[in-house]
Protein backbone atom coordinates (compact mmCIF):
# COMPACT_ATOMS: atom_id res chain seq x y z
CA MET A 1 -0.15 0.17 0.00
CA LYS A 2 1.19 3.52 -0.73
CA GLU A 3 2.17 6.02 2.08
CA ILE A 4 0.58 9.25 2.03
CA ILE A 5 2.60 12.37 2.67
CA GLY A 6 2.21 16.17 2.06
CA LEU A 7 -0.18 16.94 4.68
CA LYS A 8 -0.21 20.57 5.98
CA HIS A 9 0.47 21.31 9.49
CA GLY A 10 -2.71 20.37 11.82
CA GLU A 11 -4.21 18.48 8.99
CA LYS A 12 -3.73 15.19 11.34
CA THR A 13 -5.45 16.63 14.23
CA LYS A 14 -8.52 18.13 11.91
CA ILE A 15 -8.77 14.25 10.27
CA ALA A 16 -8.30 12.58 13.82
CA ASN A 17 -11.02 14.82 15.33
CA LYS A 18 -13.42 14.39 12.30
CA TYR A 19 -13.12 10.47 13.05
CA GLY A 20 -13.20 10.20 16.57
CA CYS A 21 -9.65 8.73 16.87
CA THR A 22 -6.10 9.55 18.08
CA ILE A 23 -3.53 11.19 15.98
CA HIS A 24 -1.52 7.84 16.14
CA THR A 25 -4.36 5.95 14.40
CA VAL A 26 -4.10 8.57 11.44
CA ARG A 27 -0.31 8.02 11.11
CA ILE A 28 -0.84 4.31 11.11
CA ALA A 29 -3.55 4.94 8.54
CA LEU A 30 -1.61 7.33 6.35
CA LYS A 31 1.70 4.96 6.63
CA GLY A 32 -0.12 2.48 5.08
CA TYR A 33 0.03 -0.14 8.21
CA SER A 34 -3.96 -0.72 8.43
CA GLU A 35 -6.53 -1.46 5.89
CA SER A 36 -9.55 -1.30 7.75
CA LYS A 37 -12.54 0.54 6.99
CA LEU A 38 -12.02 3.35 9.10
CA ALA A 39 -8.04 3.63 7.90
CA MET A 40 -9.29 3.51 4.22
CA ASN A 41 -11.52 6.69 5.45
CA ILE A 42 -8.65 8.53 6.89
CA ARG A 43 -6.55 8.09 3.63
CA LYS A 44 -9.34 9.10 1.33
CA GLU A 45 -9.80 12.62 3.68
CA ALA A 46 -6.04 12.86 3.69
CA LEU A 47 -6.24 13.03 -0.22
CA ARG A 48 -9.19 15.33 -0.08
CA ARG A 49 -7.31 17.86 1.88
CA GLY A 50 -4.51 17.90 -0.76
CA ALA A 51 -1.74 15.05 0.32
CA ILE A 52 -0.28 13.03 -2.13
CA GLU A 53 0.46 9.09 -2.40
CA ARG A 54 4.17 7.32 -2.67
CA PRO A 55 5.63 4.07 -2.71
CA GLN A 56 6.19 2.93 0.74
CA LYS A 57 10.16 2.76 1.77
CA LEU A 58 11.68 -0.26 1.84
CA VAL A 59 13.62 -1.21 4.45
CA LYS A 60 16.97 -2.96 3.79
CA LEU A 61 18.00 -5.25 6.77
CA THR A 62 21.67 -5.99 7.09
CA ASP A 63 23.57 -8.95 8.41
CA SER A 64 24.30 -7.96 11.98
CA PRO A 65 28.00 -7.75 12.57
CA GLN A 66 29.68 -10.87 13.97
């Protein structure tokens, strides 16, 4: 799932208040870590408010030094 970025200052708080959830829930939804109905609504609202989508960053796992 794509990550949503580019919200103006305070928009995450406004989205959280609109849906009656925490800012943490909004962050999780925007990062693409959740696919619940609430998360999808949060993502749609963020896009309506001018955010943009980008592919998620891939985390490169490295071998631990031995």
